[in-house]
PDB file of N, CA and C in Angstrom:
ATOM      1  N   MET A   1      17.022  19.580 -28.397  1.00  0.00           N
ATOM      2  CA  MET A   1      16.608  20.162 -27.126  1.00  0.00           C
ATOM      3  C   MET A   1      16.349  19.033 -26.128  1.00  0.00           C
ATOM      4  N   PRO A   2      16.925  19.148 -24.918  1.00  0.00           N
ATOM      5  CA  PRO A   2      16.713  18.077 -23.932  1.00  0.00           C
ATOM      6  C   PRO A   2      15.252  18.014 -23.475  1.00  0.00           C
ATOM      7  N   LYS A   3      14.854  16.817 -23.108  1.00  0.00           N
ATOM      8  CA  LYS A   3      13.488  16.623 -22.615  1.00  0.00           C
ATOM      9  C   LYS A   3      13.340  17.267 -21.242  1.00  0.00           C
ATOM     10  N   ALA A   4      12.176  17.834 -20.985  1.00  0.00           N
ATOM     11  CA  ALA A   4      11.877  18.371 -19.661  1.00  0.00           C
ATOM     12  C   ALA A   4      11.828  17.218 -18.668  1.00  0.00           C
ATOM     13  N   LYS A   5      12.338  17.460 -17.472  1.00  0.00           N
ATOM     14  CA  LYS A   5      12.346  16.433 -16.423  1.00  0.00           C
ATOM     15  C   LYS A   5      11.154  16.637 -15.495  1.00  0.00           C
ATOM     16  N   ILE A   6      10.398  15.583 -15.323  1.00  0.00           N
ATOM     17  CA  ILE A   6       9.247  15.605 -14.430  1.00  0.00           C
ATOM     18  C   ILE A   6       9.475  14.573 -13.343  1.00  0.00           C
ATOM     19  N   LEU A   7       9.391  15.015 -12.106  1.00  0.00           N
ATOM     20  CA  LEU A   7       9.556  14.143 -10.954  1.00  0.00           C
ATOM     21  C   LEU A   7       8.189  13.917 -10.320  1.00  0.00           C
ATOM     22  N   VAL A   8       7.811  12.660 -10.228  1.00  0.00           N
ATOM     23  CA  VAL A   8       6.518  12.261  -9.667  1.00  0.00           C
ATOM     24  C   VAL A   8       6.770  11.685  -8.283  1.00  0.00           C
ATOM     25  N   CYS A   9       6.154  12.264  -7.264  1.00  0.00           N
ATOM     26  CA  CYS A   9       6.343  11.773  -5.903  1.00  0.00           C
ATOM     27  C   CYS A   9       5.002  11.435  -5.272  1.00  0.00           C
ATOM     28  N   ASP A  10       4.794  10.146  -5.084  1.00  0.00           N
ATOM     29  CA  ASP A  10       3.572   9.660  -4.438  1.00  0.00           C
ATOM     30  C   ASP A  10       3.907   8.319  -3.799  1.00  0.00           C
ATOM     31  N   ASP A  11       3.380   8.079  -2.608  1.00  0.00           N
ATOM     32  CA  ASP A  11       3.664   6.811  -1.935  1.00  0.00           C
ATOM     33  C   ASP A  11       2.799   5.666  -2.447  1.00  0.00           C
ATOM     34  N   GLU A  12       1.813   5.968  -3.294  1.00  0.00           N
ATOM     35  CA  GLU A  12       0.944   4.928  -3.834  1.00  0.00           C
ATOM     36  C   GLU A  12       1.434   4.512  -5.223  1.00  0.00           C
ATOM     37  N   GLU A  13       1.815   3.244  -5.346  1.00  0.00           N
ATOM     38  CA  GLU A  13       2.352   2.752  -6.610  1.00  0.00           C
ATOM     39  C   GLU A  13       1.351   2.910  -7.757  1.00  0.00           C
ATOM     40  N   ASN A  14       0.064   2.680  -7.471  1.00  0.00           N
ATOM     41  CA  ASN A  14      -0.927   2.784  -8.554  1.00  0.00           C
ATOM     42  C   ASN A  14      -1.046   4.212  -9.088  1.00  0.00           C
ATOM     43  N   ILE A  15      -0.848   5.201  -8.250  1.00  0.00           N
ATOM     44  CA  ILE A  15      -0.879   6.601  -8.708  1.00  0.00           C
ATOM     45  C   ILE A  15       0.358   6.891  -9.564  1.00  0.00           C
ATOM     46  N   ARG A  16       1.522   6.454  -9.092  1.00  0.00           N
ATOM     47  CA  ARG A  16       2.739   6.661  -9.887  1.00  0.00           C
ATOM     48  C   ARG A  16       2.607   5.990 -11.254  1.00  0.00           C
ATOM     49  N   GLU A  17       2.087   4.793 -11.277  1.00  0.00           N
ATOM     50  CA  GLU A  17       1.925   4.057 -12.529  1.00  0.00           C
ATOM     51  C   GLU A  17       0.903   4.743 -13.440  1.00  0.00           C
ATOM     52  N   SER A  18      -0.195   5.229 -12.877  1.00  0.00           N
ATOM     53  CA  SER A  18      -1.198   5.944 -13.678  1.00  0.00           C
ATOM     54  C   SER A  18      -0.588   7.175 -14.330  1.00  0.00           C
ATOM     55  N   ILE A  19       0.183   7.922 -13.564  1.00  0.00           N
ATOM     56  CA  ILE A  19       0.822   9.124 -14.104  1.00  0.00           C
ATOM     57  C   ILE A  19       1.818   8.748 -15.192  1.00  0.00           C
ATOM     58  N   ARG A  20       2.570   7.680 -14.961  1.00  0.00           N
ATOM     59  CA  ARG A  20       3.530   7.220 -15.979  1.00  0.00           C
ATOM     60  C   ARG A  20       2.803   6.898 -17.280  1.00  0.00           C
ATOM     61  N   LEU A  21       1.709   6.167 -17.189  1.00  0.00           N
ATOM     62  CA  LEU A  21       0.958   5.785 -18.387  1.00  0.00           C
ATOM     63  C   LEU A  21       0.384   7.001 -19.119  1.00  0.00           C
ATOM     64  N   ILE A  22      -0.043   7.999 -18.366  1.00  0.00           N
ATOM     65  CA  ILE A  22      -0.614   9.209 -18.975  1.00  0.00           C
ATOM     66  C   ILE A  22       0.459  10.045 -19.673  1.00  0.00           C
ATOM     67  N   LEU A  23       1.628  10.149 -19.066  1.00  0.00           N
ATOM     68  CA  LEU A  23       2.649  11.069 -19.573  1.00  0.00           C
ATOM     69  C   LEU A  23       3.725  10.417 -20.433  1.00  0.00           C
ATOM     70  N   GLU A  24       3.786   9.088 -20.473  1.00  0.00           N
ATOM     71  CA  GLU A  24       4.911   8.427 -21.141  1.00  0.00           C
ATOM     72  C   GLU A  24       5.000   8.704 -22.641  1.00  0.00           C
ATOM     73  N   ASP A  25       3.896   9.035 -23.294  1.00  0.00           N
ATOM     74  CA  ASP A  25       3.933   9.290 -24.732  1.00  0.00           C
ATOM     75  C   ASP A  25       4.274  10.743 -25.066  1.00  0.00           C
ATOM     76  N   LEU A  26       4.493  11.557 -24.053  1.00  0.00           N
ATOM     77  CA  LEU A  26       4.847  12.965 -24.247  1.00  0.00           C
ATOM     78  C   LEU A  26       6.371  13.120 -24.150  1.00  0.00           C
ATOM     79  N   PRO A  27       6.908  14.195 -24.684  1.00  0.00           N
ATOM     80  CA  PRO A  27       8.372  14.349 -24.729  1.00  0.00           C
ATOM     81  C   PRO A  27       8.996  14.811 -23.411  1.00  0.00           C
ATOM     82  N   TYR A  28       8.780  14.028 -22.374  1.00  0.00           N
ATOM     83  CA  TYR A  28       9.323  14.344 -21.058  1.00  0.00           C
ATOM     84  C   TYR A  28      10.119  13.152 -20.538  1.00  0.00           C
ATOM     85  N   SER A  29      11.093  13.422 -19.686  1.00  0.00           N
ATOM     86  CA  SER A  29      11.782  12.369 -18.953  1.00  0.00           C
ATOM     87  C   SER A  29      11.115  12.264 -17.589  1.00  0.00           C
ATOM     88  N   LEU A  30      10.640  11.080 -17.250  1.00  0.00           N
ATOM     89  CA  LEU A  30       9.922  10.874 -15.993  1.00  0.00           C
ATOM     90  C   LEU A  30      10.822  10.215 -14.957  1.00  0.00           C
ATOM     91  N   PHE A  31      10.727  10.714 -13.729  1.00  0.00           N
ATOM     92  CA  PHE A  31      11.463  10.160 -12.594  1.00  0.00           C
ATOM     93  C   PHE A  31      10.463   9.993 -11.457  1.00  0.00           C
ATOM     94  N   PHE A  32      10.760   9.080 -10.528  1.00  0.00           N
ATOM     95  CA  PHE A  32       9.782   8.752  -9.493  1.00  0.00           C
ATOM     96  C   PHE A  32      10.419   8.706  -8.106  1.00  0.00           C
ATOM     97  N   ALA A  33       9.630   9.128  -7.120  1.00  0.00           N
ATOM     98  CA  ALA A  33      10.008   9.054  -5.712  1.00  0.00           C
ATOM     99  C   ALA A  33       8.794   8.538  -4.940  1.00  0.00           C
ATOM    100  N   THR A  34       9.060   7.880  -3.821  1.00  0.00           N
ATOM    101  CA  THR A  34       7.967   7.268  -3.058  1.00  0.00           C
ATOM    102  C   THR A  34       7.674   7.963  -1.735  1.00  0.00           C
ATOM    103  N   ASN A  35       8.496   8.936  -1.348  1.00  0.00           N
ATOM    104  CA  ASN A  35       8.231   9.665  -0.105  1.00  0.00           C
ATOM    105  C   ASN A  35       8.887  11.044  -0.170  1.00  0.00           C
ATOM    106  N   GLY A  36       8.574  11.858   0.815  1.00  0.00           N
ATOM    107  CA  GLY A  36       9.055  13.235   0.830  1.00  0.00           C
ATOM    108  C   GLY A  36      10.560  13.372   0.878  1.00  0.00           C
ATOM    109  N   GLN A  37      11.235  12.473   1.597  1.00  0.00           N
ATOM    110  CA  GLN A  37      12.694  12.559   1.664  1.00  0.00           C
ATOM    111  C   GLN A  37      13.328  12.198   0.325  1.00  0.00           C
ATOM    112  N   GLU A  38      12.772  11.192  -0.353  1.00  0.00           N
ATOM    113  CA  GLU A  38      13.268  10.817  -1.682  1.00  0.00           C
ATOM    114  C   GLU A  38      13.137  11.962  -2.671  1.00  0.00           C
ATOM    115  N   VAL A  39      12.021  12.674  -2.615  1.00  0.00           N
ATOM    116  CA  VAL A  39      11.838  13.777  -3.562  1.00  0.00           C
ATOM    117  C   VAL A  39      12.884  14.856  -3.328  1.00  0.00           C
ATOM    118  N   ILE A  40      13.211  15.144  -2.087  1.00  0.00           N
ATOM    119  CA  ILE A  40      14.252  16.139  -1.771  1.00  0.00           C
ATOM    120  C   ILE A  40      15.587  15.678  -2.329  1.00  0.00           C
ATOM    121  N   ASP A  41      15.933  14.418  -2.093  1.00  0.00           N
ATOM    122  CA  ASP A  41      17.204  13.879  -2.586  1.00  0.00           C
ATOM    123  C   ASP A  41      17.285  13.964  -4.112  1.00  0.00           C
ATOM    124  N   GLN A  42      16.182  13.645  -4.793  1.00  0.00           N
ATOM    125  CA  GLN A  42      16.196  13.669  -6.251  1.00  0.00           C
ATOM    126  C   GLN A  42      16.193  15.089  -6.816  1.00  0.00           C
ATOM    127  N   VAL A  43      15.546  16.016  -6.140  1.00  0.00           N
ATOM    128  CA  VAL A  43      15.561  17.410  -6.599  1.00  0.00           C
ATOM    129  C   VAL A  43      16.998  17.921  -6.626  1.00  0.00           C
ATOM    130  N   LYS A  44      17.791  17.547  -5.631  1.00  0.00           N
ATOM    131  CA  LYS A  44      19.184  17.992  -5.564  1.00  0.00           C
ATOM    132  C   LYS A  44      19.972  17.577  -6.795  1.00  0.00           C
ATOM    133  N   SER A  45      19.764  16.351  -7.267  1.00  0.00           N
ATOM    134  CA  SER A  45      20.553  15.861  -8.396  1.00  0.00           C
ATOM    135  C   SER A  45      19.896  16.098  -9.755  1.00  0.00           C
ATOM    136  N   LEU A  46      18.572  16.022  -9.825  1.00  0.00           N
ATOM    137  CA  LEU A  46      17.878  16.111 -11.114  1.00  0.00           C
ATOM    138  C   LEU A  46      17.571  17.529 -11.565  1.00  0.00           C
ATOM    139  N   LYS A  47      17.246  18.402 -10.628  1.00  0.00           N
ATOM    140  CA  LYS A  47      16.747  19.748 -10.940  1.00  0.00           C
ATOM    141  C   LYS A  47      15.587  19.661 -11.940  1.00  0.00           C
ATOM    142  N   PRO A  48      14.504  18.964 -11.555  1.00  0.00           N
ATOM    143  CA  PRO A  48      13.367  18.822 -12.475  1.00  0.00           C
ATOM    144  C   PRO A  48      12.645  20.147 -12.699  1.00  0.00           C
ATOM    145  N   GLU A  49      12.030  20.264 -13.869  1.00  0.00           N
ATOM    146  CA  GLU A  49      11.257  21.461 -14.180  1.00  0.00           C
ATOM    147  C   GLU A  49       9.893  21.421 -13.497  1.00  0.00           C
ATOM    148  N   VAL A  50       9.295  20.222 -13.444  1.00  0.00           N
ATOM    149  CA  VAL A  50       7.976  20.052 -12.836  1.00  0.00           C
ATOM    150  C   VAL A  50       8.035  18.906 -11.831  1.00  0.00           C
ATOM    151  N   ILE A  51       7.373  19.106 -10.695  1.00  0.00           N
ATOM    152  CA  ILE A  51       7.269  18.069  -9.669  1.00  0.00           C
ATOM    153  C   ILE A  51       5.795  17.857  -9.364  1.00  0.00           C
ATOM    154  N   LEU A  52       5.351  16.626  -9.520  1.00  0.00           N
ATOM    155  CA  LEU A  52       3.995  16.234  -9.127  1.00  0.00           C
ATOM    156  C   LEU A  52       4.126  15.652  -7.732  1.00  0.00           C
ATOM    157  N   LEU A  53       3.518  16.281  -6.757  1.00  0.00           N
ATOM    158  CA  LEU A  53       3.795  15.991  -5.362  1.00  0.00           C
ATOM    159  C   LEU A  53       2.534  15.691  -4.565  1.00  0.00           C
ATOM    160  N   ASP A  54       2.505  14.507  -3.957  1.00  0.00           N
ATOM    161  CA  ASP A  54       1.418  14.142  -3.064  1.00  0.00           C
ATOM    162  C   ASP A  54       1.596  14.883  -1.739  1.00  0.00           C
ATOM    163  N   ILE A  55       0.516  15.128  -1.027  1.00  0.00           N
ATOM    164  CA  ILE A  55       0.580  15.812   0.262  1.00  0.00           C
ATOM    165  C   ILE A  55       0.844  14.837   1.412  1.00  0.00           C
ATOM    166  N   LYS A  56       0.087  13.745   1.456  1.00  0.00           N
ATOM    167  CA  LYS A  56       0.206  12.781   2.559  1.00  0.00           C
ATOM    168  C   LYS A  56       1.186  11.683   2.175  1.00  0.00           C
ATOM    169  N   MET A  57       2.399  11.732   2.777  1.00  0.00           N
ATOM    170  CA  MET A  57       3.426  10.735   2.497  1.00  0.00           C
ATOM    171  C   MET A  57       4.234  10.433   3.744  1.00  0.00           C
ATOM    172  N   PRO A  58       4.874   9.263   3.766  1.00  0.00           N
ATOM    173  CA  PRO A  58       5.744   8.943   4.892  1.00  0.00           C
ATOM    174  C   PRO A  58       7.056   9.734   4.836  1.00  0.00           C
ATOM    175  N   LYS A  59       7.721   9.804   5.958  1.00  0.00           N
ATOM    176  CA  LYS A  59       9.037  10.418   6.157  1.00  0.00           C
ATOM    177  C   LYS A  59       9.038  11.937   6.117  1.00  0.00           C
ATOM    178  N   LEU A  60       8.327  12.541   5.169  1.00  0.00           N
ATOM    179  CA  LEU A  60       8.245  13.991   5.072  1.00  0.00           C
ATOM    180  C   LEU A  60       6.999  14.308   4.269  1.00  0.00           C
ATOM    181  N   SER A  61       6.104  15.097   4.829  1.00  0.00           N
ATOM    182  CA  SER A  61       4.855  15.391   4.118  1.00  0.00           C
ATOM    183  C   SER A  61       5.137  16.252   2.894  1.00  0.00           C
ATOM    184  N   GLY A  62       4.223  16.219   1.965  1.00  0.00           N
ATOM    185  CA  GLY A  62       4.349  17.056   0.779  1.00  0.00           C
ATOM    186  C   GLY A  62       4.400  18.531   1.122  1.00  0.00           C
ATOM    187  N   LEU A  63       3.595  18.952   2.106  1.00  0.00           N
ATOM    188  CA  LEU A  63       3.609  20.362   2.519  1.00  0.00           C
ATOM    189  C   LEU A  63       4.995  20.767   3.007  1.00  0.00           C
ATOM    190  N   ASP A  64       5.593  19.915   3.848  1.00  0.00           N
ATOM    191  CA  ASP A  64       6.929  20.235   4.347  1.00  0.00           C
ATOM    192  C   ASP A  64       7.972  20.170   3.235  1.00  0.00           C
ATOM    193  N   ALA A  65       7.772  19.268   2.286  1.00  0.00           N
ATOM    194  CA  ALA A  65       8.719  19.126   1.179  1.00  0.00           C
ATOM    195  C   ALA A  65       8.700  20.352   0.261  1.00  0.00           C
ATOM    196  N   ILE A  66       7.548  21.007   0.114  1.00  0.00           N
ATOM    197  CA  ILE A  66       7.448  22.154  -0.799  1.00  0.00           C
ATOM    198  C   ILE A  66       8.477  23.229  -0.446  1.00  0.00           C
ATOM    199  N   SER A  67       8.558  23.586   0.810  1.00  0.00           N
ATOM    200  CA  SER A  67       9.490  24.637   1.227  1.00  0.00           C
ATOM    201  C   SER A  67      10.929  24.246   0.927  1.00  0.00           C
ATOM    202  N   GLU A  68      11.263  23.008   1.205  1.00  0.00           N
ATOM    203  CA  GLU A  68      12.623  22.509   0.955  1.00  0.00           C
ATOM    204  C   GLU A  68      12.919  22.493  -0.546  1.00  0.00           C
ATOM    205  N   ILE A  69      11.967  22.025  -1.335  1.00  0.00           N
ATOM    206  CA  ILE A  69      12.143  21.989  -2.793  1.00  0.00           C
ATOM    207  C   ILE A  69      12.383  23.398  -3.327  1.00  0.00           C
ATOM    208  N   LYS A  70      11.580  24.356  -2.889  1.00  0.00           N
ATOM    209  CA  LYS A  70      11.714  25.726  -3.387  1.00  0.00           C
ATOM    210  C   LYS A  70      13.062  26.337  -3.004  1.00  0.00           C
ATOM    211  N   SER A  71      13.616  25.940  -1.854  1.00  0.00           N
ATOM    212  CA  SER A  71      14.928  26.469  -1.489  1.00  0.00           C
ATOM    213  C   SER A  71      16.038  25.822  -2.330  1.00  0.00           C
ATOM    214  N   LEU A  72      15.854  24.574  -2.726  1.00  0.00           N
ATOM    215  CA  LEU A  72      16.856  23.876  -3.544  1.00  0.00           C
ATOM    216  C   LEU A  72      16.742  24.209  -5.026  1.00  0.00           C
ATOM    217  N   SER A  73      15.526  24.392  -5.489  1.00  0.00           N
ATOM    218  CA  SER A  73      15.268  24.588  -6.919  1.00  0.00           C
ATOM    219  C   SER A  73      14.120  25.583  -7.092  1.00  0.00           C
ATOM    220  N   PRO A  74      14.413  26.861  -6.921  1.00  0.00           N
ATOM    221  CA  PRO A  74      13.355  27.878  -6.902  1.00  0.00           C
ATOM    222  C   PRO A  74      12.492  27.929  -8.165  1.00  0.00           C
ATOM    223  N   ASP A  75      13.037  27.518  -9.310  1.00  0.00           N
ATOM    224  CA  ASP A  75      12.279  27.586 -10.559  1.00  0.00           C
ATOM    225  C   ASP A  75      11.403  26.366 -10.804  1.00  0.00           C
ATOM    226  N   ALA A  76      11.550  25.336  -9.990  1.00  0.00           N
ATOM    227  CA  ALA A  76      10.734  24.127 -10.181  1.00  0.00           C
ATOM    228  C   ALA A  76       9.263  24.458  -9.964  1.00  0.00           C
ATOM    229  N   LYS A  77       8.428  23.934 -10.829  1.00  0.00           N
ATOM    230  CA  LYS A  77       6.985  24.119 -10.714  1.00  0.00           C
ATOM    231  C   LYS A  77       6.408  22.909  -9.982  1.00  0.00           C
ATOM    232  N   ILE A  78       5.772  23.142  -8.859  1.00  0.00           N
ATOM    233  CA  ILE A  78       5.220  22.058  -8.037  1.00  0.00           C
ATOM    234  C   ILE A  78       3.715  22.007  -8.238  1.00  0.00           C
ATOM    235  N   ILE A  79       3.258  20.849  -8.699  1.00  0.00           N
ATOM    236  CA  ILE A  79       1.826  20.594  -8.851  1.00  0.00           C
ATOM    237  C   ILE A  79       1.438  19.602  -7.764  1.00  0.00           C
ATOM    238  N   VAL A  80       0.607  20.023  -6.862  1.00  0.00           N
ATOM    239  CA  VAL A  80       0.182  19.166  -5.766  1.00  0.00           C
ATOM    240  C   VAL A  80      -0.934  18.245  -6.252  1.00  0.00           C
ATOM    241  N   ILE A  81      -0.792  16.963  -5.926  1.00  0.00           N
ATOM    242  CA  ILE A  81      -1.850  15.988  -6.194  1.00  0.00           C
ATOM    243  C   ILE A  81      -2.233  15.373  -4.853  1.00  0.00           C
ATOM    244  N   SER A  82      -3.509  15.319  -4.599  1.00  0.00           N
ATOM    245  CA  SER A  82      -3.918  14.812  -3.295  1.00  0.00           C
ATOM    246  C   SER A  82      -5.334  14.280  -3.318  1.00  0.00           C
ATOM    247  N   GLY A  83      -5.554  13.280  -2.489  1.00  0.00           N
ATOM    248  CA  GLY A  83      -6.896  12.752  -2.293  1.00  0.00           C
ATOM    249  C   GLY A  83      -7.655  13.549  -1.249  1.00  0.00           C
ATOM    250  N   TYR A  84      -6.963  14.454  -0.584  1.00  0.00           N
ATOM    251  CA  TYR A  84      -7.566  15.279   0.459  1.00  0.00           C
ATOM    252  C   TYR A  84      -7.871  16.643  -0.131  1.00  0.00           C
ATOM    253  N   GLU A  85      -9.146  16.927  -0.317  1.00  0.00           N
ATOM    254  CA  GLU A  85      -9.537  18.174  -0.973  1.00  0.00           C
ATOM    255  C   GLU A  85      -9.952  19.235   0.040  1.00  0.00           C
ATOM    256  N   GLN A  86      -9.191  19.358   1.113  1.00  0.00           N
ATOM    257  CA  GLN A  86      -9.487  20.363   2.125  1.00  0.00           C
ATOM    258  C   GLN A  86      -8.917  21.705   1.674  1.00  0.00           C
ATOM    259  N   GLN A  87      -9.770  22.713   1.642  1.00  0.00           N
ATOM    260  CA  GLN A  87      -9.361  24.023   1.143  1.00  0.00           C
ATOM    261  C   GLN A  87      -8.159  24.604   1.889  1.00  0.00           C
ATOM    262  N   GLU A  88      -8.098  24.395   3.201  1.00  0.00           N
ATOM    263  CA  GLU A  88      -6.982  24.975   3.956  1.00  0.00           C
ATOM    264  C   GLU A  88      -5.653  24.325   3.579  1.00  0.00           C
ATOM    265  N   VAL A  89      -5.670  23.026   3.252  1.00  0.00           N
ATOM    266  CA  VAL A  89      -4.447  22.332   2.837  1.00  0.00           C
ATOM    267  C   VAL A  89      -4.025  22.831   1.453  1.00  0.00           C
ATOM    268  N   ILE A  90      -4.976  22.984   0.566  1.00  0.00           N
ATOM    269  CA  ILE A  90      -4.688  23.490  -0.778  1.00  0.00           C
ATOM    270  C   ILE A  90      -4.117  24.905  -0.695  1.00  0.00           C
ATOM    271  N   LYS A  91      -4.744  25.767   0.100  1.00  0.00           N
ATOM    272  CA  LYS A  91      -4.264  27.138   0.275  1.00  0.00           C
ATOM    273  C   LYS A  91      -2.846  27.154   0.839  1.00  0.00           C
ATOM    274  N   GLU A  92      -2.582  26.290   1.813  1.00  0.00           N
ATOM    275  CA  GLU A  92      -1.253  26.226   2.415  1.00  0.00           C
ATOM    276  C   GLU A  92      -0.213  25.788   1.389  1.00  0.00           C
ATOM    277  N   ALA A  93      -0.537  24.783   0.589  1.00  0.00           N
ATOM    278  CA  ALA A  93       0.388  24.306  -0.443  1.00  0.00           C
ATOM    279  C   ALA A  93       0.698  25.420  -1.439  1.00  0.00           C
ATOM    280  N   LEU A  94      -0.316  26.145  -1.860  1.00  0.00           N
ATOM    281  CA  LEU A  94      -0.110  27.238  -2.814  1.00  0.00           C
ATOM    282  C   LEU A  94       0.686  28.379  -2.184  1.00  0.00           C
ATOM    283  N   SER A  95       0.440  28.656  -0.912  1.00  0.00           N
ATOM    284  CA  SER A  95       1.178  29.736  -0.259  1.00  0.00           C
ATOM    285  C   SER A  95       2.656  29.377  -0.062  1.00  0.00           C
ATOM    286  N   ARG A  96       2.958  28.091   0.019  1.00  0.00           N
ATOM    287  CA  ARG A  96       4.360  27.654   0.177  1.00  0.00           C
ATOM    288  C   ARG A  96       5.100  27.585  -1.157  1.00  0.00           C
ATOM    289  N   GLY A  97       4.357  27.699  -2.259  1.00  0.00           N
ATOM    290  CA  GLY A  97       5.052  27.732  -3.546  1.00  0.00           C
ATOM    291  C   GLY A  97       4.536  26.787  -4.616  1.00  0.00           C
ATOM    292  N   ALA A  98       3.536  25.981  -4.311  1.00  0.00           N
ATOM    293  CA  ALA A  98       2.945  25.138  -5.353  1.00  0.00           C
ATOM    294  C   ALA A  98       2.243  26.041  -6.367  1.00  0.00           C
ATOM    295  N   VAL A  99       2.204  25.592  -7.628  1.00  0.00           N
ATOM    296  CA  VAL A  99       1.589  26.411  -8.676  1.00  0.00           C
ATOM    297  C   VAL A  99       0.218  25.900  -9.105  1.00  0.00           C
ATOM    298  N   ASP A 100      -0.108  24.669  -8.736  1.00  0.00           N
ATOM    299  CA  ASP A 100      -1.386  24.101  -9.138  1.00  0.00           C
ATOM    300  C   ASP A 100      -1.752  22.980  -8.176  1.00  0.00           C
ATOM    301  N   TYR A 101      -3.023  22.612  -8.210  1.00  0.00           N
ATOM    302  CA  TYR A 101      -3.541  21.524  -7.382  1.00  0.00           C
ATOM    303  C   TYR A 101      -4.437  20.655  -8.256  1.00  0.00           C
ATOM    304  N   LEU A 102      -4.212  19.348  -8.177  1.00  0.00           N
ATOM    305  CA  LEU A 102      -5.080  18.393  -8.860  1.00  0.00           C
ATOM    306  C   LEU A 102      -5.586  17.371  -7.851  1.00  0.00           C
ATOM    307  N   PRO A 103      -6.883  17.151  -7.788  1.00  0.00           N
ATOM    308  CA  PRO A 103      -7.387  16.073  -6.925  1.00  0.00           C
ATOM    309  C   PRO A 103      -6.985  14.738  -7.540  1.00  0.00           C
ATOM    310  N   LYS A 104      -6.839  13.713  -6.713  1.00  0.00           N
ATOM    311  CA  LYS A 104      -6.419  12.412  -7.236  1.00  0.00           C
ATOM    312  C   LYS A 104      -7.441  11.797  -8.183  1.00  0.00           C
ATOM    313  N   SER A 105      -8.564  12.419  -8.324  1.00  0.00           N
ATOM    314  CA  SER A 105      -9.535  11.961  -9.317  1.00  0.00           C
ATOM    315  C   SER A 105      -9.302  12.656 -10.662  1.00  0.00           C
ATOM    316  N   PHE A 106      -8.100  13.231 -10.851  1.00  0.00           N
ATOM    317  CA  PHE A 106      -7.807  13.971 -12.079  1.00  0.00           C
ATOM    318  C   PHE A 106      -7.933  13.070 -13.309  1.00  0.00           C
ATOM    319  N   SER A 107      -8.288  13.707 -14.419  1.00  0.00           N
ATOM    320  CA  SER A 107      -8.350  12.989 -15.698  1.00  0.00           C
ATOM    321  C   SER A 107      -6.989  13.102 -16.384  1.00  0.00           C
ATOM    322  N   ALA A 108      -6.790  12.273 -17.389  1.00  0.00           N
ATOM    323  CA  ALA A 108      -5.549  12.336 -18.166  1.00  0.00           C
ATOM    324  C   ALA A 108      -5.390  13.729 -18.772  1.00  0.00           C
ATOM    325  N   GLY A 109      -6.479  14.289 -19.279  1.00  0.00           N
ATOM    326  CA  GLY A 109      -6.436  15.620 -19.870  1.00  0.00           C
ATOM    327  C   GLY A 109      -6.053  16.700 -18.873  1.00  0.00           C
ATOM    328  N   GLN A 110      -6.614  16.623 -17.674  1.00  0.00           N
ATOM    329  CA  GLN A 110      -6.280  17.615 -16.639  1.00  0.00           C
ATOM    330  C   GLN A 110      -4.794  17.551 -16.295  1.00  0.00           C
ATOM    331  N   LEU A 111      -4.264  16.333 -16.146  1.00  0.00           N
ATOM    332  CA  LEU A 111      -2.851  16.179 -15.795  1.00  0.00           C
ATOM    333  C   LEU A 111      -1.966  16.727 -16.911  1.00  0.00           C
ATOM    334  N   LYS A 112      -2.229  16.329 -18.138  1.00  0.00           N
ATOM    335  CA  LYS A 112      -1.431  16.793 -19.268  1.00  0.00           C
ATOM    336  C   LYS A 112      -1.507  18.322 -19.401  1.00  0.00           C
ATOM    337  N   ASP A 113      -2.698  18.883 -19.252  1.00  0.00           N
ATOM    338  CA  ASP A 113      -2.865  20.342 -19.363  1.00  0.00           C
ATOM    339  C   ASP A 113      -2.066  21.073 -18.296  1.00  0.00           C
ATOM    340  N   SER A 114      -2.100  20.582 -17.069  1.00  0.00           N
ATOM    341  CA  SER A 114      -1.383  21.240 -15.981  1.00  0.00           C
ATOM    342  C   SER A 114       0.128  21.159 -16.213  1.00  0.00           C
ATOM    343  N   VAL A 115       0.608  19.999 -16.597  1.00  0.00           N
ATOM    344  CA  VAL A 115       2.049  19.841 -16.861  1.00  0.00           C
ATOM    345  C   VAL A 115       2.471  20.751 -18.011  1.00  0.00           C
ATOM    346  N   ARG A 116       1.746  20.722 -19.091  1.00  0.00           N
ATOM    347  CA  ARG A 116       2.089  21.567 -20.263  1.00  0.00           C
ATOM    348  C   ARG A 116       2.088  23.048 -19.879  1.00  0.00           C
ATOM    349  N   ALA A 117       1.068  23.475 -19.149  1.00  0.00           N
ATOM    350  CA  ALA A 117       0.970  24.888 -18.760  1.00  0.00           C
ATOM    351  C   ALA A 117       2.153  25.317 -17.904  1.00  0.00           C
ATOM    352  N   ASN A 118       2.672  24.409 -17.103  1.00  0.00           N
ATOM    353  CA  ASN A 118       3.767  24.765 -16.204  1.00  0.00           C
ATOM    354  C   ASN A 118       5.150  24.530 -16.783  1.00  0.00           C
ATOM    355  N   LEU A 119       5.203  24.095 -18.028  1.00  0.00           N
ATOM    356  CA  LEU A 119       6.488  23.974 -18.724  1.00  0.00           C
ATOM    357  C   LEU A 119       6.738  25.137 -19.671  1.00  0.00           C
ATOM    358  N   LYS A 120       5.813  26.086 -19.707  1.00  0.00           N
ATOM    359  CA  LYS A 120       5.978  27.252 -20.596  1.00  0.00           C
ATOM    360  C   LYS A 120       6.746  28.340 -19.926  1.00  0.00           C
TER     361      LYS A 120
END
């Protein structure tokens, strides 16, 4: 059985690296993007099952990327990760098609649980 593809999109290298370290021992293929436009380009070719998506990014915000991702890959599960815990932003992300929200203070367990839950 092929490994599930997870696309991590965050403009902060330390966040991408933290996620890589948390998920690398699990049976997933990890891919990375550094901005909203990159995530759109990679969704077209990869068709990932799960996308970990930051909200505040250069070139295209995570909120704007959600709508585009859902039109390209409707079955992709988008988990928003953000340092901005404003309820209206979280509500907007969920209304556009995100399935979960994790604050950037997430624990390894929270990240793994959210990814696992959205691969079922």
